[in-house]
Amino acid sequence: MGLFNFFTQEIAIDLGTANTLIIYDNKVVVDEPSIVAIDRRTDKVIAVGSQAMQMHEKTHDNIKTIRPLKDGVIADFQAAEAMIRAMIKMINPKGRLFKPSLAMVICIPSGITEVEKRAVYDSAEQAGARERYLIHEPMAAAIGIGINVQEPMGNMVIDIGGGTTEIAVIALSGIVCNQSIRIAGDEFNFDIVNYIRRQHNMLVGERTAEQIKIHVGSALTELDDPVEDFPVNGRDLMTGIPKQIIVNYSEIAHCLNKSITKIEEAVLKALEITPPELAADIYKTGLYLTGGGALLRGLDKRLSQKTKLPVHVADDPLRAVVRGTGIVLKDRAKFLSILIA
């Protein structure tokens, strides 16, 4: 078995709209933004991950930056394949004389179509994977936060990523009912860009919107533990000259309100279609929040007020999905019923 392991490299990938994480040898070895920079003249990849993110929205005509995933699924096949290849290269020790064959477990949204599934399979195959398995994100998130998914006990997981929000009720190694909506981190950024443009007559980019969300993003207009105001630089739409404004968490909560309301509606819809016995379990266990969106200040409190149920935020919500995928990868025989082979 040891020799076989030397020839086979087992990796778990959380292929996210915003970030891609890879687990190898029980460790998160890659945690990079899902973006590639390509030279338009040669079609060669210049940079991947954080290096490409530094170039994003700052490029000239000869370089283009591509985010290969949109709404949790592959939108640009070639760029996705190039990105997966480059990120796998980050883990391979340089001293190896040969390329090991790869066994991959990749996360996918629960609301994905067969065509979108095929795109993930094919990208993994082109990147050199011999064995390919898929797993639904809410299932991986549940395993990652320590829920025993094989028990006849209902648990609701809300995974708010970059492109999609996945809400699933899990019991007996399966998803009983789920809601998948394409409103998540990227939509929040878009809301912030529009708000700053309307309210302050200033144009900001996607990266700046992301920074605003991290520093002063909130789901509630009044927080128990308020955060400091955040200075934002951008271009004045009236004069065309760069300027700075100060934003506070209350106005960001106001501008994100519409998108968060849609997430609340999806949670209520998922609870509505939950079988009564599982609903009784959820009343006891509460709701589990994972994904980058779980870090939005006051979101747990707001969902708790809406559903009248306890809401638990995972310890490390950004890595819950990839941790769960890593656990499944290590014990594929045990979790065979969960995997889509």
Protein backbone atom coordinates (compact mmCIF):
# COMPACT_ATOMS: atom_id res chain seq x y z
CA MET A 1 0.00 0.00 0.00
CA GLY A 2 2.89 2.35 0.78
CA LEU A 3 4.34 1.90 -2.73
CA PHE A 4 0.87 2.47 -4.26
CA ASN A 5 0.55 5.68 -2.25
CA PHE A 6 3.88 6.84 -3.64
CA PHE A 7 2.52 6.51 -7.18
CA THR A 8 -0.90 7.99 -6.35
CA GLN A 9 -1.48 11.45 -4.99
CA GLU A 10 -4.80 11.92 -3.20
CA ILE A 11 -6.13 15.47 -3.09
CA ALA A 12 -9.38 17.09 -1.96
CA ILE A 13 -10.42 20.26 -3.79
CA ASP A 14 -12.96 22.89 -2.80
CA LEU A 15 -13.35 24.52 -6.20
CA GLY A 16 -15.01 27.77 -5.13
CA THR A 17 -16.14 30.85 -7.03
CA ALA A 18 -14.00 33.12 -4.83
CA ASN A 19 -11.29 30.80 -3.43
CA THR A 20 -9.92 27.37 -4.25
CA LEU A 21 -8.59 25.24 -1.39
CA ILE A 22 -6.68 21.99 -1.70
CA ILE A 23 -6.01 19.42 1.03
CA TYR A 24 -3.09 17.04 0.57
CA ASP A 25 -1.70 14.76 3.26
CA ASN A 26 -4.33 16.00 5.78
CA LYS A 27 -3.11 19.60 5.45
CA VAL A 28 -4.55 22.61 3.59
CA VAL A 29 -1.66 23.20 1.21
CA VAL A 30 -3.33 25.62 -1.24
CA ASP A 31 -5.67 28.47 -0.30
CA GLU A 32 -5.75 30.86 -3.25
CA PRO A 33 -8.29 33.13 -5.00
CA SER A 34 -9.95 31.40 -8.00
CA ILE A 35 -8.47 33.58 -10.71
CA VAL A 36 -5.94 33.29 -13.56
CA ALA A 37 -4.03 35.94 -15.54
CA ILE A 38 -3.46 35.11 -19.21
CA ASP A 39 -1.27 36.73 -21.88
CA ARG A 40 -3.63 37.54 -24.78
CA ARG A 41 -0.86 37.24 -27.41
CA THR A 42 0.35 33.75 -26.49
CA ASP A 43 -2.66 32.45 -24.49
CA LYS A 44 -0.19 31.38 -21.79
CA VAL A 45 -0.99 31.55 -18.08
CA ILE A 46 1.15 34.25 -16.42
CA ALA A 47 -0.15 34.02 -12.86
CA VAL A 48 -2.64 32.08 -10.75
CA GLY A 49 -4.28 32.76 -7.38
CA SER A 50 -3.12 35.68 -5.23
CA GLN A 51 -0.57 36.85 -7.86
CA ALA A 52 -3.35 37.04 -10.47
CA MET A 53 -5.66 38.72 -7.94
CA GLN A 54 -3.12 41.53 -7.51
CA MET A 55 -3.38 42.12 -11.28
CA HIS A 56 -7.20 41.97 -11.36
CA GLU A 57 -8.80 45.18 -12.68
CA LYS A 58 -5.31 46.69 -13.17
CA THR A 59 -4.29 45.04 -16.47
CA HIS A 60 -3.35 46.51 -19.87
CA ASP A 61 -4.52 45.21 -23.28
CA ASN A 62 -2.06 42.32 -23.46
CA ILE A 63 -3.10 40.72 -20.16
CA LYS A 64 -6.54 39.55 -19.13
CA THR A 65 -7.63 38.17 -15.76
CA ILE A 66 -10.32 35.48 -15.75
CA ARG A 67 -12.38 34.10 -12.90
CA PRO A 68 -13.15 30.63 -14.35
CA LEU A 69 -16.04 29.95 -11.95
CA LYS A 70 -19.29 31.85 -11.83
CA ASP A 71 -22.14 31.06 -9.42
CA GLY A 72 -20.28 27.99 -8.17
CA VAL A 73 -19.92 26.36 -11.61
CA ILE A 74 -17.28 26.41 -14.36
CA ALA A 75 -17.92 29.28 -16.79
CA ASP A 76 -14.59 29.12 -18.64
CA PHE A 77 -13.45 25.54 -19.23
CA GLN A 78 -9.88 26.21 -20.45
CA ALA A 79 -9.13 28.75 -17.72
CA ALA A 80 -10.52 26.37 -15.05
CA GLU A 81 -8.32 23.54 -16.30
CA ALA A 82 -5.24 25.81 -16.36
CA MET A 83 -6.03 27.00 -12.83
CA ILE A 84 -6.48 23.46 -11.43
CA ARG A 85 -3.21 22.33 -13.08
CA ALA A 86 -1.26 25.31 -11.70
CA MET A 87 -2.66 24.83 -8.20
CA ILE A 88 -1.82 21.11 -8.22
CA LYS A 89 1.75 22.06 -9.23
CA MET A 90 1.94 24.12 -6.02
CA ILE A 91 1.75 20.90 -3.98
CA ASN A 92 4.06 18.67 -5.98
CA PRO A 93 7.54 18.43 -4.49
CA LYS A 94 10.06 19.56 -7.09
CA GLY A 95 12.33 16.58 -6.51
CA ARG A 96 9.87 14.05 -7.97
CA LEU A 97 11.14 12.36 -11.12
CA PHE A 98 7.68 11.44 -12.40
CA LYS A 99 4.17 12.78 -12.18
CA PRO A 100 2.02 10.77 -9.75
CA SER A 101 -1.46 9.69 -10.82
CA LEU A 102 -4.12 11.74 -9.07
CA ALA A 103 -7.21 10.73 -7.11
CA MET A 104 -9.46 13.76 -6.58
CA VAL A 105 -12.56 14.53 -4.56
CA ILE A 106 -14.11 17.83 -5.73
CA CYS A 107 -16.95 19.84 -4.17
CA ILE A 108 -19.90 20.94 -6.28
CA PRO A 109 -23.04 22.99 -5.46
CA SER A 110 -26.13 20.90 -4.71
CA GLY A 111 -28.21 22.72 -7.36
CA ILE A 112 -25.79 21.87 -10.20
CA THR A 113 -27.02 20.49 -13.57
CA GLU A 114 -25.66 17.36 -15.30
CA VAL A 115 -23.87 19.51 -17.91
CA GLU A 116 -22.16 21.54 -15.18
CA LYS A 117 -21.17 18.30 -13.41
CA ARG A 118 -19.62 17.03 -16.64
CA ALA A 119 -17.57 20.26 -16.94
CA VAL A 120 -16.07 19.66 -13.46
CA TYR A 121 -15.32 15.99 -14.32
CA ASP A 122 -13.68 16.91 -17.62
CA SER A 123 -11.60 19.71 -16.08
CA ALA A 124 -10.31 17.28 -13.44
CA GLU A 125 -9.51 14.70 -16.12
CA GLN A 126 -7.64 17.26 -18.26
CA ALA A 127 -5.68 18.28 -15.15
CA GLY A 128 -4.46 14.68 -14.84
CA ALA A 129 -6.89 12.96 -12.44
CA ARG A 130 -7.33 9.19 -12.89
CA GLU A 131 -9.93 8.80 -10.14
CA ARG A 132 -12.53 11.53 -9.87
CA TYR A 133 -15.29 11.84 -7.28
CA LEU A 134 -17.71 14.69 -6.64
CA ILE A 135 -19.38 15.63 -3.37
CA HIS A 136 -22.11 18.18 -2.69
CA GLU A 137 -20.89 21.25 -0.79
CA PRO A 138 -23.47 21.21 2.07
CA MET A 139 -22.65 17.53 2.72
CA ALA A 140 -18.90 18.27 2.80
CA ALA A 141 -19.54 21.29 5.06
CA ALA A 142 -21.60 19.16 7.49
CA ILE A 143 -18.81 16.56 7.71
CA GLY A 144 -16.22 19.34 8.07
CA ILE A 145 -17.93 20.86 11.13
CA GLY A 146 -18.17 17.48 12.85
CA ILE A 147 -21.78 16.42 12.19
CA ASN A 148 -22.32 12.67 11.93
CA VAL A 149 -24.19 12.66 8.62
CA GLN A 150 -24.85 8.90 8.73
CA GLU A 151 -27.18 9.09 11.73
CA PRO A 152 -30.99 9.24 11.35
CA MET A 153 -30.89 12.77 12.75
CA GLY A 154 -31.83 15.88 10.79
CA ASN A 155 -29.33 18.75 10.51
CA MET A 156 -29.66 21.92 8.45
CA VAL A 157 -26.51 23.41 6.94
CA ILE A 158 -26.39 26.86 5.31
CA ASP A 159 -23.22 27.27 3.24
CA ILE A 160 -22.78 30.85 1.97
CA GLY A 161 -19.91 30.85 -0.51
CA GLY A 162 -18.75 33.25 -3.20
CA GLY A 163 -21.25 32.35 -5.92
CA THR A 164 -24.02 30.32 -4.29
CA THR A 165 -25.81 29.87 -0.99
CA GLU A 166 -26.55 26.20 -0.34
CA ILE A 167 -29.20 25.29 2.20
CA ALA A 168 -29.62 21.57 2.84
CA VAL A 169 -31.28 19.25 5.34
CA ILE A 170 -29.04 16.23 5.84
CA ALA A 171 -29.88 12.82 7.34
CA LEU A 172 -28.78 9.20 6.74
CA SER A 173 -25.86 10.16 4.42
CA GLY A 174 -28.10 12.06 2.03
CA ILE A 175 -29.60 15.45 1.28
CA VAL A 176 -33.32 15.20 2.06
CA CYS A 177 -34.26 18.65 0.76
CA ASN A 178 -32.24 21.60 -0.41
CA GLN A 179 -32.39 25.12 -1.76
CA SER A 180 -29.56 26.52 -3.88
CA ILE A 181 -29.66 30.22 -4.72
CA ARG A 182 -27.13 32.24 -6.69
CA ILE A 183 -26.89 34.99 -4.11
CA ALA A 184 -23.73 35.01 -1.98
CA GLY A 185 -20.43 36.85 -1.52
CA ASP A 186 -20.13 38.07 -5.14
CA GLU A 187 -23.66 39.47 -5.05
CA PHE A 188 -22.81 41.31 -1.79
CA ASN A 189 -19.81 42.91 -3.56
CA PHE A 190 -22.01 43.93 -6.48
CA ASP A 191 -24.51 45.52 -4.04
CA ILE A 192 -21.69 47.50 -2.38
CA VAL A 193 -20.34 48.77 -5.75
CA ASN A 194 -23.85 49.93 -6.75
CA TYR A 195 -24.52 51.54 -3.37
CA ILE A 196 -21.25 53.55 -3.36
CA ARG A 197 -22.00 54.67 -6.92
CA ARG A 198 -25.58 55.77 -6.11
CA GLN A 199 -25.07 57.19 -2.64
CA HIS A 200 -21.59 58.71 -2.85
CA ASN A 201 -21.20 59.32 -6.61
CA MET A 202 -18.01 57.30 -6.55
CA LEU A 203 -16.82 54.38 -8.63
CA VAL A 204 -15.04 51.50 -6.85
CA GLY A 205 -13.85 48.15 -8.16
CA GLU A 206 -14.67 44.58 -7.15
CA ARG A 207 -11.53 44.24 -5.00
CA THR A 208 -12.34 47.41 -3.04
CA ALA A 209 -15.93 46.20 -2.52
CA GLU A 210 -14.51 42.94 -1.11
CA GLN A 211 -12.34 44.93 1.34
CA ILE A 212 -15.34 47.02 2.43
CA LYS A 213 -17.31 43.81 3.04
CA ILE A 214 -14.48 42.30 5.13
CA HIS A 215 -13.85 45.43 7.23
CA VAL A 216 -17.36 46.86 7.77
CA GLY A 217 -19.75 44.27 6.30
CA SER A 218 -22.79 43.69 8.49
CA ALA A 219 -26.24 42.10 8.31
CA LEU A 220 -27.64 44.31 11.10
CA THR A 221 -27.80 48.12 11.25
CA GLU A 222 -27.05 47.96 14.99
CA LEU A 223 -24.33 45.68 16.33
CA ASP A 224 -23.52 44.82 19.97
CA ASP A 225 -19.84 45.18 19.12
CA PRO A 226 -19.60 48.02 16.52
CA VAL A 227 -16.66 48.18 14.11
CA GLU A 228 -14.65 51.27 13.16
CA ASP A 229 -15.53 53.23 10.02
CA PHE A 230 -13.53 52.34 6.91
CA PRO A 231 -11.88 54.77 4.44
CA VAL A 232 -12.63 53.95 0.78
CA ASN A 233 -10.69 55.27 -2.22
CA GLY A 234 -12.20 55.48 -5.70
CA ARG A 235 -13.00 57.76 -8.63
CA ASP A 236 -15.42 60.66 -8.31
CA LEU A 237 -18.08 60.28 -11.01
CA MET A 238 -18.71 64.03 -11.23
CA THR A 239 -15.13 65.28 -11.57
CA GLY A 240 -13.28 62.09 -12.61
CA ILE A 241 -10.67 62.78 -9.89
CA PRO A 242 -9.69 60.11 -7.30
CA LYS A 243 -11.14 60.78 -3.84
CA GLN A 244 -11.70 59.19 -0.44
CA ILE A 245 -14.91 58.68 1.55
CA ILE A 246 -15.60 57.07 4.94
CA VAL A 247 -18.23 54.31 5.19
CA ASN A 248 -19.73 52.75 8.33
CA TYR A 249 -21.22 49.32 9.00
CA SER A 250 -24.81 50.64 9.24
CA GLU A 251 -24.90 51.85 5.65
CA ILE A 252 -23.32 48.61 4.40
CA ALA A 253 -26.00 46.65 6.34
CA HIS A 254 -28.60 48.82 4.62
CA CYS A 255 -27.18 48.13 1.14
CA LEU A 256 -26.88 44.33 1.73
CA ASN A 257 -30.40 44.09 3.16
CA LYS A 258 -32.08 43.03 -0.12
CA SER A 259 -29.68 40.12 -0.78
CA ILE A 260 -29.77 38.92 2.85
CA THR A 261 -33.60 38.97 2.75
CA LYS A 262 -33.44 36.61 -0.27
CA ILE A 263 -31.19 34.23 1.73
CA GLU A 264 -33.68 34.36 4.63
CA GLU A 265 -36.53 33.52 2.24
CA ALA A 266 -34.59 30.52 0.88
CA VAL A 267 -33.95 29.28 4.46
CA LEU A 268 -37.67 29.57 5.29
CA LYS A 269 -38.56 27.77 2.03
CA ALA A 270 -36.17 24.92 2.89
CA LEU A 271 -37.73 24.66 6.38
CA GLU A 272 -41.22 24.59 4.80
CA ILE A 273 -40.44 21.53 2.65
CA THR A 274 -38.63 19.65 5.46
CA PRO A 275 -40.45 16.45 6.56
CA PRO A 276 -42.01 16.89 10.05
CA GLU A 277 -39.77 14.38 11.88
CA LEU A 278 -36.64 16.10 10.56
CA ALA A 279 -38.13 19.50 11.40
CA ALA A 280 -38.46 18.26 15.00
CA ASP A 281 -34.74 17.37 14.97
CA ILE A 282 -33.78 20.79 13.54
CA TYR A 283 -35.73 22.49 16.34
CA LYS A 284 -33.33 20.76 18.78
CA THR A 285 -30.08 21.05 16.77
CA GLY A 286 -30.60 24.50 15.19
CA LEU A 287 -29.01 25.76 11.98
CA TYR A 288 -25.30 25.56 11.07
CA LEU A 289 -23.67 28.44 9.16
CA THR A 290 -20.54 27.79 7.06
CA GLY A 291 -18.70 29.44 4.15
CA GLY A 292 -17.19 32.92 3.89
CA GLY A 293 -20.62 34.54 4.17
CA ALA A 294 -20.95 33.14 7.71
CA LEU A 295 -18.32 35.73 8.76
CA LEU A 296 -20.70 38.61 7.97
CA ARG A 297 -21.29 40.38 11.28
CA GLY A 298 -24.72 39.84 12.81
CA LEU A 299 -25.90 37.34 10.15
CA ASP A 300 -26.33 34.52 12.70
CA LYS A 301 -28.38 36.83 14.94
CA ARG A 302 -30.54 38.00 12.04
CA LEU A 303 -31.28 34.43 10.87
CA SER A 304 -32.02 33.42 14.45
CA GLN A 305 -34.54 36.28 14.79
CA LYS A 306 -36.19 35.30 11.50
CA THR A 307 -36.46 31.53 12.13
CA LYS A 308 -36.73 31.58 15.98
CA LEU A 309 -34.10 28.81 15.96
CA PRO A 310 -30.55 28.73 17.36
CA VAL A 311 -27.89 29.47 14.72
CA HIS A 312 -24.34 28.11 15.14
CA VAL A 313 -21.41 29.56 13.17
CA ALA A 314 -18.67 27.01 12.35
CA ASP A 315 -15.26 27.50 14.01
CA ASP A 316 -13.40 28.05 10.73
CA PRO A 317 -16.27 28.57 8.26
CA LEU A 318 -14.02 29.28 5.26
CA ARG A 319 -12.38 25.86 5.49
CA ALA A 320 -15.34 23.75 6.65
CA VAL A 321 -16.12 22.47 3.13
CA VAL A 322 -12.55 21.52 2.23
CA ARG A 323 -12.00 19.89 5.68
CA GLY A 324 -15.08 17.72 5.11
CA THR A 325 -13.86 16.83 1.62
CA GLY A 326 -10.50 15.82 3.11
CA ILE A 327 -12.22 13.54 5.66
CA VAL A 328 -14.22 11.86 2.86
CA LEU A 329 -11.08 11.46 0.73
CA LYS A 330 -9.26 9.69 3.59
CA ASP A 331 -12.10 7.21 4.14
CA ARG A 332 -13.72 6.78 0.74
CA ALA A 333 -15.06 3.30 1.54
CA LYS A 334 -17.05 4.64 4.52
CA PHE A 335 -18.53 7.57 2.59
CA LEU A 336 -19.10 5.77 -0.72
CA SER A 337 -22.86 6.44 -0.63
CA ILE A 338 -22.18 10.21 -0.41
CA LEU A 339 -19.74 10.38 -3.34
CA ILE A 340 -20.79 10.86 -6.96
CA ALA A 341 -18.35 8.67 -8.89
